[in-house]
Amino acid sequence: MHKENFKTGYVAIVGEPNVGKSTLMNALLEQKLSIVTRKPQTTRQRVLGILNRQDAQIIFLDTPGLIKPKYLLHEKMIGHAESALADADAILIMTEVSRKNEIPPEVEKILQKASGKPLLLVINKMDTLHRSEILPVIEAFASKEMFKEIIPVSALKRENLDDLLSTVIRYLPVHEPFYPQDIVSEQPERFFVCELIREKIFDEYRDEIPYSTAVECVEYKERSKGKTYIGADIIVERQSQKGILIGSKGEALKKIGQLSRVEIEQFLDRQVFLELRVKVREKWRENESMLKRFGYGVDRNA
């Protein structure tokens, strides 16, 4: 039985690219759910992570970084962020110290759809400042008078996260848990397998290759004995990109497979046999049906 004052709620994490949203959620959950790279726009869908405590169940929604759309894919990414706002009981707007007190127009625009929900500003990378510099940064953001609370943190070093959690819980409704207390996400293993493969592509390639790539898990066979078989297609937009990903004598693809398999086995806690193929689907980032097939289909007007 839970206490009468047990709280449960959804908390969306929104902000521009590369401010540490995924790093923060992973740190709060003490488990890697959202993929993290040094490149912006790594997260393309909302990723749900469940933090179970004695006094609360906090359901975090990590969202894609908010940018000015260039492709239909970007429109869908913004749609994932908007759907998270619609579901949220509280909203963490994430920024970092180098942004001074600026809230990007893409972020301000989406917050107009927050419909009076509590906005809590999280200022990341505070470990890069001297202690005497922290208060002026907070005061600069406070001058905007947009936020119920302002919490400085270091997601990477896991500093001040207890204060962040206690602040978040104050804004959640009293409610029984929505999810069983032994799970950390509602998304299937296939989703995380695809994300981990995509993370390695972001790590290994520069320029346009990572952004032109999607991953589709086409086979997933658990066996009572032996390794779990996973077959995944890496989707690119041009034949030249396929050649780069495969590499000379298939060495580049083999490396992606090896790096991905290590991460996947760690995540699933079992051995896997991973088979990767590269396929060309021209202009998939502008193709509604393909975006839906790869899990990016969201109606922004829904």
C-alpha atoms as a PDB file:
ATOM      1  CA  MET A   1       0.000   0.000   0.000  1.00  0.00           C
ATOM      2  CA  HIS A   2       1.235   3.478  -0.868  1.00  0.00           C
ATOM      3  CA  LYS A   3       0.999   6.420   1.452  1.00  0.00           C
ATOM      4  CA  GLU A   4      -1.884   8.812   1.036  1.00  0.00           C
ATOM      5  CA  ASN A   5       0.446  11.560  -0.162  1.00  0.00           C
ATOM      6  CA  PHE A   6       2.188   9.404  -2.810  1.00  0.00           C
ATOM      7  CA  LYS A   7       2.669  11.407  -6.002  1.00  0.00           C
ATOM      8  CA  THR A   8       2.747  10.344  -9.643  1.00  0.00           C
ATOM      9  CA  GLY A   9       3.119  12.439 -12.768  1.00  0.00           C
ATOM     10  CA  TYR A  10       4.669  13.066 -16.149  1.00  0.00           C
ATOM     11  CA  VAL A  11       7.578  15.488 -16.494  1.00  0.00           C
ATOM     12  CA  ALA A  12       8.664  16.654 -19.957  1.00  0.00           C
ATOM     13  CA  ILE A  13      12.288  17.687 -20.526  1.00  0.00           C
ATOM     14  CA  VAL A  14      12.499  20.239 -23.348  1.00  0.00           C
ATOM     15  CA  GLY A  15      15.105  22.604 -24.727  1.00  0.00           C
ATOM     16  CA  GLU A  16      17.375  23.327 -27.646  1.00  0.00           C
ATOM     17  CA  PRO A  17      19.862  20.695 -28.899  1.00  0.00           C
ATOM     18  CA  ASN A  18      22.988  19.770 -26.933  1.00  0.00           C
ATOM     19  CA  VAL A  19      22.072  21.260 -23.546  1.00  0.00           C
ATOM     20  CA  GLY A  20      22.148  17.837 -21.838  1.00  0.00           C
ATOM     21  CA  LYS A  21      18.516  16.657 -21.769  1.00  0.00           C
ATOM     22  CA  SER A  22      19.329  12.994 -22.385  1.00  0.00           C
ATOM     23  CA  THR A  23      22.311  13.090 -20.028  1.00  0.00           C
ATOM     24  CA  LEU A  24      20.033  14.497 -17.329  1.00  0.00           C
ATOM     25  CA  MET A  25      17.370  11.813 -17.721  1.00  0.00           C
ATOM     26  CA  ASN A  26      19.963   9.035 -17.685  1.00  0.00           C
ATOM     27  CA  ALA A  27      21.529  10.540 -14.554  1.00  0.00           C
ATOM     28  CA  LEU A  28      18.174  10.831 -12.782  1.00  0.00           C
ATOM     29  CA  LEU A  29      17.287   7.219 -13.612  1.00  0.00           C
ATOM     30  CA  GLU A  30      20.846   6.022 -12.910  1.00  0.00           C
ATOM     31  CA  GLN A  31      20.493   4.003 -16.094  1.00  0.00           C
ATOM     32  CA  LYS A  32      21.154   4.687 -19.760  1.00  0.00           C
ATOM     33  CA  LEU A  33      17.874   4.945 -21.658  1.00  0.00           C
ATOM     34  CA  SER A  34      18.435   7.916 -23.952  1.00  0.00           C
ATOM     35  CA  ILE A  35      21.379   7.760 -26.336  1.00  0.00           C
ATOM     36  CA  VAL A  36      23.947  10.513 -25.889  1.00  0.00           C
ATOM     37  CA  THR A  37      26.475  11.874 -28.385  1.00  0.00           C
ATOM     38  CA  ARG A  38      28.398  15.111 -28.797  1.00  0.00           C
ATOM     39  CA  LYS A  39      26.341  15.957 -31.889  1.00  0.00           C
ATOM     40  CA  PRO A  40      23.067  17.916 -31.745  1.00  0.00           C
ATOM     41  CA  GLN A  41      19.722  16.403 -32.765  1.00  0.00           C
ATOM     42  CA  THR A  42      20.637  12.909 -31.566  1.00  0.00           C
ATOM     43  CA  THR A  43      17.237  12.337 -29.918  1.00  0.00           C
ATOM     44  CA  ARG A  44      14.444  12.076 -32.508  1.00  0.00           C
ATOM     45  CA  GLN A  45      11.526  10.712 -30.482  1.00  0.00           C
ATOM     46  CA  ARG A  46      10.332  11.183 -26.978  1.00  0.00           C
ATOM     47  CA  VAL A  47      11.893   8.610 -24.683  1.00  0.00           C
ATOM     48  CA  LEU A  48       9.962   7.620 -21.579  1.00  0.00           C
ATOM     49  CA  GLY A  49      11.866   6.834 -18.387  1.00  0.00           C
ATOM     50  CA  ILE A  50      10.258   5.895 -15.067  1.00  0.00           C
ATOM     51  CA  LEU A  51      11.831   6.780 -11.734  1.00  0.00           C
ATOM     52  CA  ASN A  52      10.305   4.850  -8.837  1.00  0.00           C
ATOM     53  CA  ARG A  53      10.759   6.188  -5.309  1.00  0.00           C
ATOM     54  CA  GLN A  54       9.098   5.491  -1.961  1.00  0.00           C
ATOM     55  CA  ASP A  55       7.239   8.784  -2.173  1.00  0.00           C
ATOM     56  CA  ALA A  56       6.673   9.187  -5.912  1.00  0.00           C
ATOM     57  CA  GLN A  57       6.702   7.759  -9.405  1.00  0.00           C
ATOM     58  CA  ILE A  58       8.140  10.332 -11.827  1.00  0.00           C
ATOM     59  CA  ILE A  59       7.680   9.580 -15.513  1.00  0.00           C
ATOM     60  CA  PHE A  60      10.232  11.589 -17.461  1.00  0.00           C
ATOM     61  CA  LEU A  61       9.759  12.343 -21.152  1.00  0.00           C
ATOM     62  CA  ASP A  62      13.049  13.126 -22.890  1.00  0.00           C
ATOM     63  CA  THR A  63      12.360  15.046 -26.108  1.00  0.00           C
ATOM     64  CA  PRO A  64      14.195  16.040 -29.302  1.00  0.00           C
ATOM     65  CA  GLY A  65      16.078  19.326 -29.279  1.00  0.00           C
ATOM     66  CA  LEU A  66      13.971  22.172 -30.620  1.00  0.00           C
ATOM     67  CA  ILE A  67      15.221  23.574 -33.927  1.00  0.00           C
ATOM     68  CA  LYS A  68      13.865  25.413 -36.937  1.00  0.00           C
ATOM     69  CA  PRO A  69      12.574  22.580 -39.160  1.00  0.00           C
ATOM     70  CA  LYS A  70      14.448  21.820 -42.371  1.00  0.00           C
ATOM     71  CA  TYR A  71      12.936  18.406 -43.181  1.00  0.00           C
ATOM     72  CA  LEU A  72       9.612  16.718 -42.505  1.00  0.00           C
ATOM     73  CA  LEU A  73      11.565  14.611 -39.998  1.00  0.00           C
ATOM     74  CA  HIS A  74      12.273  17.800 -38.020  1.00  0.00           C
ATOM     75  CA  GLU A  75       8.552  18.617 -38.033  1.00  0.00           C
ATOM     76  CA  LYS A  76       7.887  15.173 -36.579  1.00  0.00           C
ATOM     77  CA  MET A  77      10.598  15.663 -33.948  1.00  0.00           C
ATOM     78  CA  ILE A  78       8.897  18.876 -32.830  1.00  0.00           C
ATOM     79  CA  GLY A  79       5.648  16.919 -32.796  1.00  0.00           C
ATOM     80  CA  HIS A  80       7.172  14.458 -30.311  1.00  0.00           C
ATOM     81  CA  ALA A  81       8.154  17.367 -28.072  1.00  0.00           C
ATOM     82  CA  GLU A  82       4.679  18.902 -28.309  1.00  0.00           C
ATOM     83  CA  SER A  83       3.001  15.605 -27.433  1.00  0.00           C
ATOM     84  CA  ALA A  84       5.230  15.351 -24.359  1.00  0.00           C
ATOM     85  CA  LEU A  85       4.145  18.855 -23.276  1.00  0.00           C
ATOM     86  CA  ALA A  86       0.513  17.868 -23.702  1.00  0.00           C
ATOM     87  CA  ASP A  87       0.972  14.839 -21.414  1.00  0.00           C
ATOM     88  CA  ALA A  88       3.137  16.557 -18.799  1.00  0.00           C
ATOM     89  CA  ASP A  89       2.137  17.640 -15.318  1.00  0.00           C
ATOM     90  CA  ALA A  90       5.314  19.717 -15.061  1.00  0.00           C
ATOM     91  CA  ILE A  91       7.855  20.886 -17.624  1.00  0.00           C
ATOM     92  CA  LEU A  92      11.610  21.087 -17.224  1.00  0.00           C
ATOM     93  CA  ILE A  93      13.042  23.687 -19.600  1.00  0.00           C
ATOM     94  CA  MET A  94      16.695  22.849 -19.928  1.00  0.00           C
ATOM     95  CA  THR A  95      19.418  25.296 -20.789  1.00  0.00           C
ATOM     96  CA  GLU A  96      23.067  25.726 -19.861  1.00  0.00           C
ATOM     97  CA  VAL A  97      25.248  28.431 -18.379  1.00  0.00           C
ATOM     98  CA  SER A  98      26.746  29.542 -21.705  1.00  0.00           C
ATOM     99  CA  ARG A  99      23.271  30.542 -22.971  1.00  0.00           C
ATOM    100  CA  LYS A 100      23.330  33.472 -20.499  1.00  0.00           C
ATOM    101  CA  ASN A 101      19.642  34.290 -19.986  1.00  0.00           C
ATOM    102  CA  GLU A 102      18.510  33.613 -23.528  1.00  0.00           C
ATOM    103  CA  ILE A 103      15.570  31.330 -24.254  1.00  0.00           C
ATOM    104  CA  PRO A 104      15.694  30.434 -27.986  1.00  0.00           C
ATOM    105  CA  PRO A 105      12.631  31.392 -30.071  1.00  0.00           C
ATOM    106  CA  GLU A 106      11.963  27.720 -30.921  1.00  0.00           C
ATOM    107  CA  VAL A 107      11.728  26.956 -27.200  1.00  0.00           C
ATOM    108  CA  GLU A 108       9.563  29.990 -26.387  1.00  0.00           C
ATOM    109  CA  LYS A 109       7.245  29.097 -29.271  1.00  0.00           C
ATOM    110  CA  ILE A 110       6.586  25.568 -28.031  1.00  0.00           C
ATOM    111  CA  LEU A 111       6.150  26.747 -24.434  1.00  0.00           C
ATOM    112  CA  GLN A 112       3.151  28.771 -25.601  1.00  0.00           C
ATOM    113  CA  LYS A 113       1.416  25.390 -25.826  1.00  0.00           C
ATOM    114  CA  ALA A 114       2.203  24.578 -22.193  1.00  0.00           C
ATOM    115  CA  SER A 115      -1.209  25.968 -21.181  1.00  0.00           C
ATOM    116  CA  GLY A 116      -0.368  27.210 -17.707  1.00  0.00           C
ATOM    117  CA  LYS A 117       1.605  24.160 -16.606  1.00  0.00           C
ATOM    118  CA  PRO A 118       4.440  24.794 -14.140  1.00  0.00           C
ATOM    119  CA  LEU A 119       7.690  25.658 -15.937  1.00  0.00           C
ATOM    120  CA  LEU A 120      10.843  24.716 -14.045  1.00  0.00           C
ATOM    121  CA  LEU A 121      14.116  25.970 -15.477  1.00  0.00           C
ATOM    122  CA  VAL A 122      17.101  23.632 -15.197  1.00  0.00           C
ATOM    123  CA  ILE A 123      20.451  25.352 -15.821  1.00  0.00           C
ATOM    124  CA  ASN A 124      22.972  22.671 -16.739  1.00  0.00           C
ATOM    125  CA  LYS A 125      26.802  22.594 -16.643  1.00  0.00           C
ATOM    126  CA  MET A 126      27.026  24.651 -13.471  1.00  0.00           C
ATOM    127  CA  ASP A 127      30.214  22.737 -12.661  1.00  0.00           C
ATOM    128  CA  THR A 128      31.949  24.879 -15.307  1.00  0.00           C
ATOM    129  CA  LEU A 129      31.439  28.027 -13.212  1.00  0.00           C
ATOM    130  CA  HIS A 130      33.088  29.296 -10.061  1.00  0.00           C
ATOM    131  CA  ARG A 131      30.661  29.231  -7.123  1.00  0.00           C
ATOM    132  CA  SER A 132      30.550  33.057  -7.040  1.00  0.00           C
ATOM    133  CA  GLU A 133      29.336  33.112 -10.660  1.00  0.00           C
ATOM    134  CA  ILE A 134      26.301  30.894 -10.137  1.00  0.00           C
ATOM    135  CA  LEU A 135      23.942  33.376  -8.450  1.00  0.00           C
ATOM    136  CA  PRO A 136      24.253  36.062 -11.194  1.00  0.00           C
ATOM    137  CA  VAL A 137      23.347  33.434 -13.817  1.00  0.00           C
ATOM    138  CA  ILE A 138      20.252  32.410 -11.840  1.00  0.00           C
ATOM    139  CA  GLU A 139      19.248  36.053 -11.322  1.00  0.00           C
ATOM    140  CA  ALA A 140      19.609  36.765 -15.043  1.00  0.00           C
ATOM    141  CA  PHE A 141      17.189  33.958 -15.931  1.00  0.00           C
ATOM    142  CA  ALA A 142      14.861  34.907 -13.043  1.00  0.00           C
ATOM    143  CA  SER A 143      14.457  38.382 -14.564  1.00  0.00           C
ATOM    144  CA  LYS A 144      12.359  36.796 -17.319  1.00  0.00           C
ATOM    145  CA  GLU A 145       9.671  35.903 -14.746  1.00  0.00           C
ATOM    146  CA  MET A 146       8.667  32.798 -16.735  1.00  0.00           C
ATOM    147  CA  PHE A 147       9.615  30.086 -14.268  1.00  0.00           C
ATOM    148  CA  LYS A 148       8.134  28.722 -11.060  1.00  0.00           C
ATOM    149  CA  GLU A 149      11.568  27.484  -9.988  1.00  0.00           C
ATOM    150  CA  ILE A 150      15.164  27.686 -11.212  1.00  0.00           C
ATOM    151  CA  ILE A 151      17.459  24.778 -10.381  1.00  0.00           C
ATOM    152  CA  PRO A 152      21.189  24.755 -11.249  1.00  0.00           C
ATOM    153  CA  VAL A 153      22.647  21.293 -11.893  1.00  0.00           C
ATOM    154  CA  SER A 154      25.473  19.385 -13.491  1.00  0.00           C
ATOM    155  CA  ALA A 155      23.898  16.425 -15.261  1.00  0.00           C
ATOM    156  CA  LEU A 156      27.284  14.979 -16.213  1.00  0.00           C
ATOM    157  CA  LYS A 157      28.620  15.113 -12.651  1.00  0.00           C
ATOM    158  CA  ARG A 158      25.196  14.405 -11.096  1.00  0.00           C
ATOM    159  CA  GLU A 159      25.341  17.503  -8.934  1.00  0.00           C
ATOM    160  CA  ASN A 160      22.228  18.959  -7.259  1.00  0.00           C
ATOM    161  CA  LEU A 161      19.947  16.253  -8.701  1.00  0.00           C
ATOM    162  CA  ASP A 162      18.349  15.531  -5.311  1.00  0.00           C
ATOM    163  CA  ASP A 163      17.250  19.162  -5.113  1.00  0.00           C
ATOM    164  CA  LEU A 164      15.874  18.923  -8.644  1.00  0.00           C
ATOM    165  CA  LEU A 165      13.866  15.806  -7.815  1.00  0.00           C
ATOM    166  CA  SER A 166      12.399  17.206  -4.599  1.00  0.00           C
ATOM    167  CA  THR A 167      11.408  20.350  -6.514  1.00  0.00           C
ATOM    168  CA  VAL A 168       9.752  18.347  -9.295  1.00  0.00           C
ATOM    169  CA  ILE A 169       7.782  16.220  -6.844  1.00  0.00           C
ATOM    170  CA  ARG A 170       6.222  19.330  -5.273  1.00  0.00           C
ATOM    171  CA  TYR A 171       4.481  20.029  -8.592  1.00  0.00           C
ATOM    172  CA  LEU A 172       3.115  16.518  -9.188  1.00  0.00           C
ATOM    173  CA  PRO A 173      -0.421  15.438  -8.276  1.00  0.00           C
ATOM    174  CA  VAL A 174      -1.202  12.965  -5.514  1.00  0.00           C
ATOM    175  CA  HIS A 175      -1.930   9.726  -7.338  1.00  0.00           C
ATOM    176  CA  GLU A 176      -1.188   6.018  -7.274  1.00  0.00           C
ATOM    177  CA  PRO A 177       1.564   4.779  -9.634  1.00  0.00           C
ATOM    178  CA  PHE A 178       0.658   4.471 -13.303  1.00  0.00           C
ATOM    179  CA  TYR A 179       3.251   1.773 -13.956  1.00  0.00           C
ATOM    180  CA  PRO A 180       4.509  -1.323 -12.119  1.00  0.00           C
ATOM    181  CA  GLN A 181       7.428  -0.361  -9.914  1.00  0.00           C
ATOM    182  CA  ASP A 182       9.833  -2.841 -11.474  1.00  0.00           C
ATOM    183  CA  ILE A 183       9.982  -1.271 -14.954  1.00  0.00           C
ATOM    184  CA  VAL A 184      11.906   1.776 -16.178  1.00  0.00           C
ATOM    185  CA  SER A 185      10.225   2.326 -19.567  1.00  0.00           C
ATOM    186  CA  GLU A 186       7.183   1.314 -21.567  1.00  0.00           C
ATOM    187  CA  GLN A 187       9.082   1.306 -24.860  1.00  0.00           C
ATOM    188  CA  PRO A 188      10.017  -2.114 -26.275  1.00  0.00           C
ATOM    189  CA  GLU A 189      13.525  -3.563 -26.382  1.00  0.00           C
ATOM    190  CA  ARG A 190      13.514  -3.229 -30.182  1.00  0.00           C
ATOM    191  CA  PHE A 191      13.294   0.550 -29.827  1.00  0.00           C
ATOM    192  CA  PHE A 192      16.372   0.734 -27.613  1.00  0.00           C
ATOM    193  CA  VAL A 193      18.306  -1.664 -29.857  1.00  0.00           C
ATOM    194  CA  CYS A 194      17.735   0.661 -32.826  1.00  0.00           C
ATOM    195  CA  GLU A 195      18.693   3.695 -30.771  1.00  0.00           C
ATOM    196  CA  LEU A 196      21.969   2.123 -29.616  1.00  0.00           C
ATOM    197  CA  ILE A 197      22.940   1.287 -33.201  1.00  0.00           C
ATOM    198  CA  ARG A 198      22.089   4.830 -34.255  1.00  0.00           C
ATOM    199  CA  GLU A 199      24.201   6.187 -31.399  1.00  0.00           C
ATOM    200  CA  LYS A 200      27.264   4.360 -32.727  1.00  0.00           C
ATOM    201  CA  ILE A 201      26.701   5.813 -36.194  1.00  0.00           C
ATOM    202  CA  PHE A 202      26.578   9.303 -34.643  1.00  0.00           C
ATOM    203  CA  ASP A 203      29.792   8.543 -32.774  1.00  0.00           C
ATOM    204  CA  GLU A 204      31.679   7.174 -35.780  1.00  0.00           C
ATOM    205  CA  TYR A 205      30.609   9.475 -38.631  1.00  0.00           C
ATOM    206  CA  ARG A 206      30.626  13.201 -39.234  1.00  0.00           C
ATOM    207  CA  ASP A 207      28.743  15.610 -41.476  1.00  0.00           C
ATOM    208  CA  GLU A 208      25.501  14.400 -43.029  1.00  0.00           C
ATOM    209  CA  ILE A 209      25.772  10.618 -42.568  1.00  0.00           C
ATOM    210  CA  PRO A 210      24.283  10.388 -39.027  1.00  0.00           C
ATOM    211  CA  TYR A 211      21.433  12.751 -39.868  1.00  0.00           C
ATOM    212  CA  SER A 212      20.575  10.844 -43.055  1.00  0.00           C
ATOM    213  CA  THR A 213      20.398   7.540 -41.177  1.00  0.00           C
ATOM    214  CA  ALA A 214      17.537   5.631 -39.599  1.00  0.00           C
ATOM    215  CA  VAL A 215      17.632   2.143 -38.075  1.00  0.00           C
ATOM    216  CA  GLU A 216      14.866  -0.436 -38.342  1.00  0.00           C
ATOM    217  CA  CYS A 217      14.846  -3.655 -36.329  1.00  0.00           C
ATOM    218  CA  VAL A 218      13.417  -6.231 -38.768  1.00  0.00           C
ATOM    219  CA  GLU A 219      14.066  -9.448 -36.812  1.00  0.00           C
ATOM    220  CA  TYR A 220      14.222 -10.094 -33.093  1.00  0.00           C
ATOM    221  CA  LYS A 221      14.302 -13.721 -31.996  1.00  0.00           C
ATOM    222  CA  GLU A 222      14.820 -14.670 -28.386  1.00  0.00           C
ATOM    223  CA  ARG A 223      16.025 -18.217 -27.919  1.00  0.00           C
ATOM    224  CA  SER A 224      15.831 -20.389 -24.822  1.00  0.00           C
ATOM    225  CA  LYS A 225      19.374 -21.518 -25.595  1.00  0.00           C
ATOM    226  CA  GLY A 226      22.036 -19.542 -27.377  1.00  0.00           C
ATOM    227  CA  LYS A 227      22.178 -15.910 -28.393  1.00  0.00           C
ATOM    228  CA  THR A 228      19.228 -13.635 -29.172  1.00  0.00           C
ATOM    229  CA  TYR A 229      19.208 -12.978 -32.913  1.00  0.00           C
ATOM    230  CA  ILE A 230      18.736  -9.356 -34.002  1.00  0.00           C
ATOM    231  CA  GLY A 231      18.570  -8.301 -37.622  1.00  0.00           C
ATOM    232  CA  ALA A 232      18.563  -4.543 -38.278  1.00  0.00           C
ATOM    233  CA  ASP A 233      18.515  -2.404 -41.406  1.00  0.00           C
ATOM    234  CA  ILE A 234      20.447   0.857 -41.495  1.00  0.00           C
ATOM    235  CA  ILE A 235      18.563   3.202 -43.812  1.00  0.00           C
ATOM    236  CA  VAL A 236      20.374   5.915 -45.777  1.00  0.00           C
ATOM    237  CA  GLU A 237      19.286   8.336 -48.500  1.00  0.00           C
ATOM    238  CA  ARG A 238      22.004   7.868 -51.140  1.00  0.00           C
ATOM    239  CA  GLN A 239      24.054   5.069 -52.636  1.00  0.00           C
ATOM    240  CA  SER A 240      27.258   6.948 -51.796  1.00  0.00           C
ATOM    241  CA  GLN A 241      26.274   6.960 -48.103  1.00  0.00           C
ATOM    242  CA  LYS A 242      25.702   3.201 -48.274  1.00  0.00           C
ATOM    243  CA  GLY A 243      29.231   2.738 -49.572  1.00  0.00           C
ATOM    244  CA  ILE A 244      30.689   4.846 -46.763  1.00  0.00           C
ATOM    245  CA  LEU A 245      28.783   2.954 -44.078  1.00  0.00           C
ATOM    246  CA  ILE A 246      29.816  -0.451 -45.442  1.00  0.00           C
ATOM    247  CA  GLY A 247      33.420   0.577 -46.121  1.00  0.00           C
ATOM    248  CA  SER A 248      36.201  -1.346 -47.799  1.00  0.00           C
ATOM    249  CA  LYS A 249      35.526  -5.090 -47.572  1.00  0.00           C
ATOM    250  CA  GLY A 250      32.695  -4.336 -45.139  1.00  0.00           C
ATOM    251  CA  GLU A 251      35.089  -3.225 -42.397  1.00  0.00           C
ATOM    252  CA  ALA A 252      33.207  -0.024 -41.480  1.00  0.00           C
ATOM    253  CA  LEU A 253      29.882  -1.850 -41.047  1.00  0.00           C
ATOM    254  CA  LYS A 254      31.617  -4.590 -39.091  1.00  0.00           C
ATOM    255  CA  LYS A 255      32.977  -1.996 -36.652  1.00  0.00           C
ATOM    256  CA  ILE A 256      29.517  -0.433 -36.163  1.00  0.00           C
ATOM    257  CA  GLY A 257      28.167  -3.927 -35.520  1.00  0.00           C
ATOM    258  CA  GLN A 258      30.830  -4.752 -32.950  1.00  0.00           C
ATOM    259  CA  LEU A 259      30.417  -1.470 -31.066  1.00  0.00           C
ATOM    260  CA  SER A 260      26.626  -1.765 -31.118  1.00  0.00           C
ATOM    261  CA  ARG A 261      26.608  -5.383 -29.975  1.00  0.00           C
ATOM    262  CA  VAL A 262      28.605  -4.550 -26.846  1.00  0.00           C
ATOM    263  CA  GLU A 263      26.133  -1.811 -25.877  1.00  0.00           C
ATOM    264  CA  ILE A 264      23.082  -3.934 -26.737  1.00  0.00           C
ATOM    265  CA  GLU A 265      24.319  -6.890 -24.693  1.00  0.00           C
ATOM    266  CA  GLN A 266      24.952  -4.602 -21.742  1.00  0.00           C
ATOM    267  CA  PHE A 267      21.474  -3.104 -22.057  1.00  0.00           C
ATOM    268  CA  LEU A 268      19.649  -6.437 -22.511  1.00  0.00           C
ATOM    269  CA  ASP A 269      21.922  -8.310 -20.077  1.00  0.00           C
ATOM    270  CA  ARG A 270      22.268 -11.230 -22.482  1.00  0.00           C
ATOM    271  CA  GLN A 271      24.320 -12.251 -25.484  1.00  0.00           C
ATOM    272  CA  VAL A 272      23.118 -11.325 -28.958  1.00  0.00           C
ATOM    273  CA  PHE A 273      23.975 -12.143 -32.549  1.00  0.00           C
ATOM    274  CA  LEU A 274      23.626  -8.859 -34.431  1.00  0.00           C
ATOM    275  CA  GLU A 275      23.319  -8.749 -38.222  1.00  0.00           C
ATOM    276  CA  LEU A 276      23.329  -5.345 -39.913  1.00  0.00           C
ATOM    277  CA  ARG A 277      22.376  -4.473 -43.483  1.00  0.00           C
ATOM    278  CA  VAL A 278      22.453  -1.087 -45.229  1.00  0.00           C
ATOM    279  CA  LYS A 279      19.566  -0.064 -47.490  1.00  0.00           C
ATOM    280  CA  VAL A 280      18.944   3.058 -49.570  1.00  0.00           C
ATOM    281  CA  ARG A 281      15.599   4.849 -49.289  1.00  0.00           C
ATOM    282  CA  GLU A 282      15.861   8.134 -51.142  1.00  0.00           C
ATOM    283  CA  LYS A 283      14.565  11.220 -49.322  1.00  0.00           C
ATOM    284  CA  TRP A 284      13.126   9.165 -46.461  1.00  0.00           C
ATOM    285  CA  ARG A 285      13.277  12.246 -44.213  1.00  0.00           C
ATOM    286  CA  GLU A 286      10.570  13.821 -46.399  1.00  0.00           C
ATOM    287  CA  ASN A 287       8.441  10.667 -46.795  1.00  0.00           C
ATOM    288  CA  GLU A 288       5.423  10.505 -44.495  1.00  0.00           C
ATOM    289  CA  SER A 289       4.935   6.735 -44.723  1.00  0.00           C
ATOM    290  CA  MET A 290       8.619   5.974 -44.131  1.00  0.00           C
ATOM    291  CA  LEU A 291       8.775   8.320 -41.152  1.00  0.00           C
ATOM    292  CA  LYS A 292       5.792   6.508 -39.670  1.00  0.00           C
ATOM    293  CA  ARG A 293       7.401   3.128 -40.372  1.00  0.00           C
ATOM    294  CA  PHE A 294      10.597   4.161 -38.577  1.00  0.00           C
ATOM    295  CA  GLY A 295       8.646   5.375 -35.550  1.00  0.00           C
ATOM    296  CA  TYR A 296       8.816   9.139 -36.183  1.00  0.00           C
ATOM    297  CA  GLY A 297       5.231   9.692 -37.266  1.00  0.00           C
ATOM    298  CA  VAL A 298       3.489  12.233 -35.047  1.00  0.00           C
ATOM    299  CA  ASP A 299       0.657  14.552 -36.013  1.00  0.00           C
ATOM    300  CA  ARG A 300       1.555  17.965 -34.578  1.00  0.00           C
ATOM    301  CA  ASN A 301      -2.083  19.014 -34.737  1.00  0.00           C
ATOM    302  CA  ALA A 302      -3.366  15.999 -32.847  1.00  0.00           C
END
